Amino acid sequence: METARTTLQYITHEDFEEILEMYGEPDTFKYIAPALNQTREWYVNFLNSRIDQVTNGSGYHWVVRSKGNKEFIGLMNLNPIAGTDKVQIGFQLKRKFWNQGYASELTKRVLEFGFDDGGLKVIYGVFDNKNTASLKIFQKFGFEFEENKSFEGESSPVEIWKYIAEQK
């Protein structure tokens, strides 16, 4: 899958070192409390669970690279919200790629994939209410607030926003 500046490929074990390097950046998990300050083993197990979702068809997890030099930019996902049948879109970018339009470009492409290829009718955005960058992305695409929800391991409730296929 592609955007104007990137390619998206399913995550593989060969991508782990670059992902783990991004996970070590100070603000990567600032708003994702359960993943904050975990061990390398925890992160590897988490990444293996993402590969399992891709393999068994229950979720999509992509590594994002630049088209030109294939530099690792970050991750995109489209997978179930824990304990629900709702599918969420998510993104994590290396700090050096923040504020350059990549999150919007990638969100647009993954929404198209979810509705056109995945047959989804609704896609959700889940984020800590202090994460104003995620809020801006979801508002830009027309997501609408649905609810505040508490998940195990979260220090505060997260916001859940939804985007309905007919809004496309």
Protein backbone atom coordinates (compact mmCIF):
# COMPACT_ATOMS: atom_id res chain seq x y z
CA MET A 1 0.00 0.00 0.00
CA GLU A 2 1.24 3.52 -0.71
CA THR A 3 0.67 7.22 -0.13
CA ALA A 4 2.30 10.06 -2.02
CA ARG A 5 5.44 9.87 0.13
CA THR A 6 5.33 6.46 1.81
CA THR A 7 4.91 2.74 1.49
CA LEU A 8 3.08 0.62 4.06
CA GLN A 9 4.01 -3.03 4.49
CA TYR A 10 2.83 -5.53 7.07
CA ILE A 11 5.09 -5.66 10.11
CA THR A 12 7.70 -8.45 10.20
CA HIS A 13 10.29 -9.60 12.72
CA GLU A 14 12.94 -7.88 10.59
CA ASP A 15 11.35 -4.52 11.48
CA PHE A 16 11.61 -4.98 15.24
CA GLU A 17 14.93 -3.21 15.83
CA GLU A 18 13.79 -0.03 14.09
CA ILE A 19 10.47 -0.14 15.93
CA LEU A 20 12.18 -0.73 19.28
CA GLU A 21 14.42 2.26 18.58
CA MET A 22 11.30 4.41 18.05
CA TYR A 23 9.76 2.94 21.21
CA GLY A 24 12.82 4.25 23.07
CA GLU A 25 12.11 7.86 22.06
CA PRO A 26 10.99 9.92 25.08
CA ASP A 27 7.44 10.80 23.95
CA THR A 28 6.48 7.66 22.02
CA PHE A 29 4.20 6.35 24.77
CA LYS A 30 3.49 9.63 26.54
CA TYR A 31 -0.25 9.09 26.00
CA ILE A 32 -0.32 5.28 25.98
CA ALA A 33 0.09 4.45 29.67
CA PRO A 34 0.08 0.62 29.43
CA ALA A 35 3.06 0.70 27.06
CA LEU A 36 5.06 3.34 28.91
CA ASN A 37 8.43 2.25 30.32
CA GLN A 38 8.09 -1.44 29.54
CA THR A 39 10.94 -3.91 29.07
CA ARG A 40 12.37 -4.93 25.71
CA GLU A 41 10.79 -8.38 26.25
CA TRP A 42 7.36 -6.80 26.79
CA TYR A 43 7.69 -4.76 23.57
CA VAL A 44 8.84 -7.80 21.57
CA ASN A 45 5.86 -9.81 22.86
CA PHE A 46 3.58 -6.91 21.96
CA LEU A 47 5.02 -6.75 18.43
CA ASN A 48 4.67 -10.51 18.04
CA SER A 49 0.98 -10.15 18.98
CA ARG A 50 0.66 -7.58 16.17
CA ILE A 51 2.14 -10.06 13.69
CA ASP A 52 -0.31 -12.67 15.01
CA GLN A 53 -3.22 -10.31 14.28
CA VAL A 54 -2.01 -9.81 10.72
CA THR A 55 -1.50 -13.56 10.25
CA ASN A 56 -4.93 -14.54 11.59
CA GLY A 57 -6.73 -11.67 9.84
CA SER A 58 -7.98 -9.97 13.00
CA GLY A 59 -5.99 -6.76 12.52
CA TYR A 60 -3.68 -4.83 10.24
CA HIS A 61 -0.31 -3.48 11.36
CA TRP A 62 1.95 -1.71 8.91
CA VAL A 63 5.50 -0.42 8.97
CA VAL A 64 5.70 2.94 7.21
CA ARG A 65 8.77 3.81 5.15
CA SER A 66 9.65 6.70 2.89
CA LYS A 67 9.34 5.91 -0.81
CA GLY A 68 12.75 7.30 -1.69
CA ASN A 69 15.31 5.93 0.74
CA LYS A 70 13.04 3.42 2.55
CA GLU A 71 13.72 5.17 5.87
CA PHE A 72 11.59 3.93 8.76
CA ILE A 73 8.94 6.57 9.56
CA GLY A 74 6.68 4.73 11.98
CA LEU A 75 3.67 2.45 12.31
CA MET A 76 -0.01 2.44 11.33
CA ASN A 77 -2.67 0.07 12.59
CA LEU A 78 -6.28 -0.89 12.02
CA ASN A 79 -7.27 -3.42 14.67
CA PRO A 80 -9.88 -4.23 17.33
CA ILE A 81 -10.10 -2.08 20.44
CA ALA A 82 -9.27 -4.43 23.33
CA GLY A 83 -12.32 -6.28 24.58
CA THR A 84 -14.65 -4.93 21.88
CA ASP A 85 -15.69 -5.59 18.29
CA LYS A 86 -14.88 -1.98 17.35
CA VAL A 87 -11.96 -1.40 14.96
CA GLN A 88 -9.57 1.45 15.69
CA ILE A 89 -7.09 3.31 13.56
CA GLY A 90 -3.78 4.32 15.09
CA PHE A 91 -0.40 5.76 14.27
CA GLN A 92 3.01 6.19 15.84
CA LEU A 93 5.69 8.19 14.09
CA LYS A 94 9.33 8.73 14.86
CA ARG A 95 9.76 12.17 16.37
CA LYS A 96 11.73 13.48 13.39
CA PHE A 97 8.60 12.98 11.22
CA TRP A 98 6.18 14.85 13.49
CA ASN A 99 4.46 17.99 12.18
CA GLN A 100 5.16 17.21 8.53
CA GLY A 101 1.72 15.98 7.46
CA TYR A 102 2.55 12.27 7.62
CA ALA A 103 -0.15 11.43 10.20
CA SER A 104 -2.84 13.01 8.00
CA GLU A 105 -1.53 11.43 4.81
CA LEU A 106 -1.37 7.99 6.41
CA THR A 107 -4.70 8.29 8.21
CA LYS A 108 -6.42 9.17 4.93
CA ARG A 109 -4.94 6.10 3.21
CA VAL A 110 -5.73 3.67 6.03
CA LEU A 111 -9.31 4.97 6.28
CA GLU A 112 -9.69 4.32 2.54
CA PHE A 113 -8.28 0.82 3.01
CA GLY A 114 -10.58 0.09 5.94
CA PHE A 115 -13.74 1.14 4.13
CA ASP A 116 -12.92 0.10 0.55
CA ASP A 117 -10.84 -3.06 1.08
CA GLY A 118 -11.75 -4.04 4.64
CA GLY A 119 -15.49 -3.55 4.24
CA LEU A 120 -15.77 -1.66 7.51
CA LYS A 121 -18.75 0.62 8.14
CA VAL A 122 -17.27 2.47 11.14
CA ILE A 123 -13.68 3.13 12.24
CA TYR A 124 -12.82 4.46 15.67
CA GLY A 125 -10.06 6.67 17.01
CA VAL A 126 -8.99 6.05 20.61
CA PHE A 127 -6.70 8.47 22.43
CA ASP A 128 -5.83 10.02 25.76
CA ASN A 129 -7.78 13.26 26.12
CA LYS A 130 -4.51 15.17 26.67
CA ASN A 131 -3.27 14.09 23.22
CA THR A 132 -4.25 17.17 21.25
CA ALA A 133 -2.33 16.06 18.15
CA SER A 134 -4.51 12.94 17.77
CA LEU A 135 -7.64 14.98 18.47
CA LYS A 136 -6.73 17.40 15.65
CA ILE A 137 -6.21 14.54 13.17
CA PHE A 138 -9.53 12.90 14.03
CA GLN A 139 -11.40 16.21 13.88
CA LYS A 140 -9.78 17.01 10.53
CA PHE A 141 -11.25 13.83 9.03
CA GLY A 142 -14.67 14.33 10.56
CA PHE A 143 -14.56 11.79 13.38
CA GLU A 144 -17.26 12.47 15.99
CA PHE A 145 -17.01 12.01 19.74
CA GLU A 146 -18.68 8.85 20.98
CA GLU A 147 -17.64 8.30 24.61
CA ASN A 148 -15.05 8.39 27.35
CA LYS A 149 -13.98 4.92 28.43
CA SER A 150 -11.62 3.50 31.03
CA PHE A 151 -9.37 0.60 30.09
CA GLU A 152 -7.22 -1.46 32.41
CA GLY A 153 -3.77 0.06 32.74
CA GLU A 154 -4.84 3.53 31.63
CA SER A 155 -4.22 6.30 34.15
CA SER A 156 -7.30 8.20 32.96
CA PRO A 157 -10.23 7.54 30.64
CA VAL A 158 -9.57 7.68 26.92
CA GLU A 159 -11.77 9.32 24.34
CA ILE A 160 -13.35 7.22 21.63
CA TRP A 161 -14.31 8.98 18.41
CA LYS A 162 -15.97 7.37 15.38
CA TYR A 163 -15.97 7.86 11.65
CA ILE A 164 -18.82 6.37 9.62
CA ALA A 165 -18.26 5.12 6.06
CA GLU A 166 -21.03 7.33 4.67
CA GLN A 167 -19.05 10.40 5.76
CA LYS A 168 -16.34 9.59 3.23
